[in-house]
Each structure stands twice: as structure tokens, then as C-alpha cells.
Amino acid sequence: MKVKPLYDRVLVKRIEEKEQRRGGIIIPDTAKEKPMEGKVVAVGAGRLNKDGSRAPLEVKAGDRVLFGKYAGQEIKIDDKEHVIIKEDEVLGIIS
């Protein structure tokens, strides 16, 4: 299934952090925090200005981005977790 976000929205797939074990303690999945880093899968056409023109997005597909812990709307696409967020909820691009 393909999803194309509208306007200034961005479809992001979370990048899972590598599991770290300290002292032999394993943290269960329910106690782990969700990662705030992801890879941009698709972007919308851009925000619509008052004069009718489109403002292009700063991020593009393939970028690694940081976003807020509670940003966006979580969805499942082909049994994989994704997040749809607005471009202004993106905190930065990782290079």
C-alpha cells in the first residue's frame, strides 16, 4: 500500500534504537520509550500560501529526522509502524 501525505505533512518510519543491556537487565518492550528519530518515507506537495502558490518542504524522502516524542499521528502500513507529522513538528535533519 502506498500513502502520499497531503500539504505540509511528512510520513516517517521510526528507526528503532539498538537494544542495550546493562548488568544483564532486559527492559521489556512495554517499558521502552518510542524513538524520536526516523526516516522520511514520503512528503506532501507543500503548504499552500495565501496567494495560491505552494511553499516547498525542507525535508525530502530518505532524510533522517528528529521529531517530538508525542508528535503526529501513528498509523500502520503493511504491519509496520509509521508516523504522519507536520513539517513544523520536525526538530531537525540528521546528516
N, C-alpha and C. Protein backbone atom coordinates (compact mmCIF):
# COMPACT_ATOMS: atom_id res chain seq x y z
N MET A 1 0.85 -1.17 0.00
CA MET A 1 0.00 0.00 0.00
C MET A 1 0.90 1.24 0.00
N LYS A 2 0.54 2.23 -0.80
CA LYS A 2 1.28 3.48 -0.86
C LYS A 2 0.45 4.59 -0.24
N VAL A 3 1.12 5.44 0.53
CA VAL A 3 0.45 6.57 1.16
C VAL A 3 1.21 7.83 0.78
N LYS A 4 0.50 8.84 0.29
CA LYS A 4 1.10 10.14 -0.02
C LYS A 4 0.48 11.16 0.91
N PRO A 5 1.30 11.76 1.79
CA PRO A 5 0.77 12.77 2.70
C PRO A 5 0.29 14.01 1.94
N LEU A 6 -0.63 14.74 2.53
CA LEU A 6 -1.15 15.95 1.92
C LEU A 6 -0.48 17.19 2.51
N TYR A 7 -0.46 18.25 1.73
CA TYR A 7 0.02 19.57 2.14
C TYR A 7 1.43 19.50 2.73
N ASP A 8 1.60 19.96 3.97
CA ASP A 8 2.94 20.03 4.58
C ASP A 8 3.18 18.88 5.55
N ARG A 9 2.58 17.75 5.29
CA ARG A 9 2.75 16.59 6.17
C ARG A 9 3.85 15.66 5.63
N VAL A 10 4.44 14.91 6.56
CA VAL A 10 5.57 14.03 6.24
C VAL A 10 5.29 12.65 6.83
N LEU A 11 5.51 11.60 6.06
CA LEU A 11 5.36 10.22 6.53
C LEU A 11 6.72 9.73 6.96
N VAL A 12 6.84 9.34 8.24
CA VAL A 12 8.12 8.95 8.83
C VAL A 12 8.02 7.54 9.39
N LYS A 13 9.06 6.74 9.12
CA LYS A 13 9.17 5.41 9.73
C LYS A 13 10.18 5.52 10.85
N ARG A 14 9.76 5.16 12.06
CA ARG A 14 10.65 5.24 13.22
C ARG A 14 11.85 4.32 13.05
N ILE A 15 13.01 4.80 13.47
CA ILE A 15 14.23 3.98 13.48
C ILE A 15 14.40 3.48 14.90
N GLU A 16 14.34 2.18 15.06
CA GLU A 16 14.46 1.58 16.39
C GLU A 16 15.90 1.64 16.86
N GLU A 17 16.08 2.00 18.13
CA GLU A 17 17.41 2.02 18.72
C GLU A 17 17.86 0.60 19.00
N LYS A 18 19.16 0.42 18.98
CA LYS A 18 19.69 -0.90 19.30
C LYS A 18 19.49 -1.18 20.78
N GLU A 19 19.15 -2.42 21.07
CA GLU A 19 18.89 -2.82 22.46
C GLU A 19 20.19 -2.85 23.26
N GLN A 20 20.17 -2.18 24.39
CA GLN A 20 21.34 -2.18 25.26
C GLN A 20 21.00 -2.90 26.56
N ARG A 21 21.88 -3.74 26.97
CA ARG A 21 21.70 -4.46 28.23
C ARG A 21 22.79 -4.02 29.18
N ARG A 22 22.39 -3.63 30.36
CA ARG A 22 23.35 -3.22 31.37
C ARG A 22 23.18 -4.12 32.58
N GLY A 23 24.24 -4.78 32.94
CA GLY A 23 24.19 -5.63 34.12
C GLY A 23 23.26 -6.81 33.95
N GLY A 24 22.98 -7.22 32.73
CA GLY A 24 22.13 -8.37 32.49
C GLY A 24 20.64 -8.09 32.62
N ILE A 25 20.25 -6.82 32.80
CA ILE A 25 18.83 -6.48 32.93
C ILE A 25 18.25 -6.22 31.55
N ILE A 26 17.18 -6.89 31.24
CA ILE A 26 16.49 -6.70 29.96
C ILE A 26 15.23 -5.89 30.21
N ILE A 27 15.10 -4.78 29.49
CA ILE A 27 13.93 -3.92 29.65
C ILE A 27 12.84 -4.42 28.71
N PRO A 28 11.63 -4.69 29.21
CA PRO A 28 10.55 -5.17 28.33
C PRO A 28 10.11 -4.08 27.36
N ASP A 29 9.54 -4.51 26.23
CA ASP A 29 9.10 -3.57 25.19
C ASP A 29 8.09 -2.56 25.69
N THR A 30 7.25 -2.95 26.63
CA THR A 30 6.21 -2.04 27.13
C THR A 30 6.80 -0.90 27.95
N ALA A 31 8.00 -1.07 28.50
CA ALA A 31 8.62 -0.04 29.32
C ALA A 31 9.55 0.87 28.52
N LYS A 32 9.84 0.50 27.28
CA LYS A 32 10.75 1.29 26.46
C LYS A 32 10.03 2.52 25.91
N GLU A 33 10.80 3.59 25.75
CA GLU A 33 10.25 4.80 25.13
C GLU A 33 10.34 4.65 23.62
N LYS A 34 9.41 5.28 22.91
CA LYS A 34 9.43 5.24 21.46
C LYS A 34 10.55 6.14 20.95
N PRO A 35 11.24 5.70 19.90
CA PRO A 35 12.34 6.51 19.38
C PRO A 35 11.83 7.82 18.77
N MET A 36 12.64 8.84 18.87
CA MET A 36 12.28 10.15 18.33
C MET A 36 13.07 10.44 17.06
N GLU A 37 13.58 9.39 16.45
CA GLU A 37 14.35 9.52 15.22
C GLU A 37 13.69 8.64 14.17
N GLY A 38 13.66 9.12 12.92
CA GLY A 38 13.04 8.33 11.87
C GLY A 38 13.55 8.68 10.50
N LYS A 39 13.12 7.88 9.54
CA LYS A 39 13.49 8.09 8.14
C LYS A 39 12.24 8.54 7.39
N VAL A 40 12.37 9.60 6.62
CA VAL A 40 11.25 10.13 5.85
C VAL A 40 10.97 9.19 4.69
N VAL A 41 9.72 8.71 4.61
CA VAL A 41 9.31 7.79 3.56
C VAL A 41 8.67 8.55 2.40
N ALA A 42 7.82 9.54 2.72
CA ALA A 42 7.14 10.33 1.69
C ALA A 42 6.82 11.71 2.25
N VAL A 43 6.71 12.69 1.36
CA VAL A 43 6.37 14.06 1.76
C VAL A 43 5.21 14.56 0.91
N GLY A 44 4.48 15.53 1.46
CA GLY A 44 3.38 16.15 0.73
C GLY A 44 3.89 17.17 -0.27
N ALA A 45 2.97 17.82 -0.97
CA ALA A 45 3.32 18.79 -2.01
C ALA A 45 3.79 20.11 -1.43
N GLY A 46 3.46 20.41 -0.21
CA GLY A 46 3.89 21.67 0.41
C GLY A 46 2.70 22.46 0.91
N ARG A 47 3.02 23.45 1.76
CA ARG A 47 1.99 24.30 2.34
C ARG A 47 1.46 25.26 1.28
N LEU A 48 0.16 25.52 1.31
CA LEU A 48 -0.48 26.42 0.37
C LEU A 48 -0.44 27.84 0.93
N ASN A 49 0.18 28.76 0.18
CA ASN A 49 0.28 30.16 0.61
C ASN A 49 -1.02 30.90 0.33
N LYS A 50 -1.14 32.12 0.86
CA LYS A 50 -2.36 32.92 0.67
C LYS A 50 -2.59 33.28 -0.79
N ASP A 51 -1.51 33.42 -1.56
CA ASP A 51 -1.65 33.77 -2.97
C ASP A 51 -1.90 32.56 -3.87
N GLY A 52 -1.97 31.37 -3.28
CA GLY A 52 -2.29 30.16 -4.04
C GLY A 52 -1.08 29.35 -4.46
N SER A 53 0.12 29.87 -4.24
CA SER A 53 1.33 29.13 -4.60
C SER A 53 1.69 28.14 -3.48
N ARG A 54 2.53 27.19 -3.80
CA ARG A 54 2.95 26.18 -2.84
C ARG A 54 4.35 26.51 -2.31
N ALA A 55 4.52 26.40 -1.01
CA ALA A 55 5.84 26.55 -0.38
C ALA A 55 6.44 25.15 -0.26
N PRO A 56 7.56 24.88 -0.93
CA PRO A 56 8.15 23.53 -0.88
C PRO A 56 8.65 23.19 0.52
N LEU A 57 8.72 21.89 0.80
CA LEU A 57 9.16 21.41 2.10
C LEU A 57 10.69 21.36 2.15
N GLU A 58 11.24 21.53 3.36
CA GLU A 58 12.69 21.45 3.57
C GLU A 58 13.16 20.00 3.55
N VAL A 59 12.32 19.08 4.05
CA VAL A 59 12.71 17.67 4.11
C VAL A 59 12.29 16.96 2.83
N LYS A 60 13.00 15.87 2.53
CA LYS A 60 12.67 15.07 1.35
C LYS A 60 12.76 13.59 1.72
N ALA A 61 12.22 12.75 0.89
CA ALA A 61 12.24 11.31 1.15
C ALA A 61 13.68 10.83 1.29
N GLY A 62 13.91 10.01 2.30
CA GLY A 62 15.24 9.47 2.55
C GLY A 62 16.00 10.19 3.65
N ASP A 63 15.56 11.39 4.06
CA ASP A 63 16.21 12.13 5.13
C ASP A 63 15.99 11.44 6.47
N ARG A 64 16.99 11.53 7.36
CA ARG A 64 16.82 11.09 8.76
C ARG A 64 16.48 12.33 9.56
N VAL A 65 15.40 12.26 10.33
CA VAL A 65 14.92 13.43 11.05
C VAL A 65 14.70 13.12 12.53
N LEU A 66 14.70 14.19 13.32
CA LEU A 66 14.32 14.12 14.73
C LEU A 66 12.97 14.79 14.87
N PHE A 67 12.12 14.22 15.72
CA PHE A 67 10.80 14.81 15.95
C PHE A 67 10.42 14.61 17.41
N GLY A 68 9.41 15.33 17.85
CA GLY A 68 8.98 15.27 19.24
C GLY A 68 8.41 13.93 19.63
N LYS A 69 8.49 13.62 20.91
CA LYS A 69 8.04 12.33 21.44
C LYS A 69 6.56 12.08 21.17
N TYR A 70 5.73 13.12 21.29
CA TYR A 70 4.29 12.95 21.11
C TYR A 70 3.79 13.60 19.83
N ALA A 71 4.66 13.81 18.86
CA ALA A 71 4.29 14.48 17.61
C ALA A 71 3.55 13.53 16.68
N GLY A 72 2.62 14.09 15.91
CA GLY A 72 1.98 13.38 14.83
C GLY A 72 0.96 12.33 15.21
N GLN A 73 0.55 11.60 14.20
CA GLN A 73 -0.46 10.55 14.32
C GLN A 73 0.16 9.22 13.89
N GLU A 74 0.09 8.23 14.75
CA GLU A 74 0.66 6.92 14.44
C GLU A 74 -0.30 6.13 13.57
N ILE A 75 0.25 5.48 12.54
CA ILE A 75 -0.54 4.62 11.66
C ILE A 75 0.25 3.35 11.37
N LYS A 76 -0.44 2.32 10.89
CA LYS A 76 0.21 1.08 10.47
C LYS A 76 0.03 0.92 8.98
N ILE A 77 1.13 0.68 8.29
CA ILE A 77 1.10 0.43 6.85
C ILE A 77 1.83 -0.89 6.62
N ASP A 78 1.15 -1.87 6.07
CA ASP A 78 1.72 -3.20 5.85
C ASP A 78 2.36 -3.75 7.13
N ASP A 79 1.66 -3.64 8.25
CA ASP A 79 2.08 -4.14 9.56
C ASP A 79 3.37 -3.49 10.08
N LYS A 80 3.70 -2.28 9.59
CA LYS A 80 4.86 -1.54 10.08
C LYS A 80 4.38 -0.20 10.62
N GLU A 81 4.95 0.20 11.77
CA GLU A 81 4.55 1.45 12.42
C GLU A 81 5.15 2.65 11.69
N HIS A 82 4.31 3.63 11.39
CA HIS A 82 4.72 4.89 10.79
C HIS A 82 4.07 6.04 11.56
N VAL A 83 4.56 7.24 11.34
CA VAL A 83 4.01 8.44 11.95
C VAL A 83 3.83 9.49 10.87
N ILE A 84 2.66 10.13 10.84
CA ILE A 84 2.45 11.27 9.94
C ILE A 84 2.53 12.52 10.80
N ILE A 85 3.49 13.40 10.45
CA ILE A 85 3.69 14.63 11.21
C ILE A 85 3.71 15.83 10.27
N LYS A 86 3.42 17.01 10.81
CA LYS A 86 3.54 18.24 10.04
C LYS A 86 5.02 18.61 9.98
N GLU A 87 5.38 19.33 8.94
CA GLU A 87 6.78 19.69 8.79
C GLU A 87 7.28 20.53 9.95
N ASP A 88 6.44 21.37 10.52
CA ASP A 88 6.90 22.21 11.62
C ASP A 88 7.10 21.42 12.92
N GLU A 89 6.71 20.15 12.98
CA GLU A 89 6.98 19.29 14.12
C GLU A 89 8.33 18.59 13.99
N VAL A 90 8.97 18.70 12.81
CA VAL A 90 10.30 18.13 12.62
C VAL A 90 11.28 19.06 13.31
N LEU A 91 12.08 18.50 14.24
CA LEU A 91 13.02 19.29 15.01
C LEU A 91 14.33 19.53 14.27
N GLY A 92 14.73 18.58 13.43
CA GLY A 92 15.98 18.74 12.69
C GLY A 92 16.22 17.59 11.75
N ILE A 93 17.13 17.82 10.81
CA ILE A 93 17.55 16.80 9.84
C ILE A 93 18.94 16.33 10.24
N ILE A 94 19.13 15.01 10.32
CA ILE A 94 20.43 14.44 10.70
C ILE A 94 21.21 14.17 9.42
N SER A 95 22.44 14.71 9.37
CA SER A 95 23.24 14.50 8.16
C SER A 95 24.37 13.51 8.43
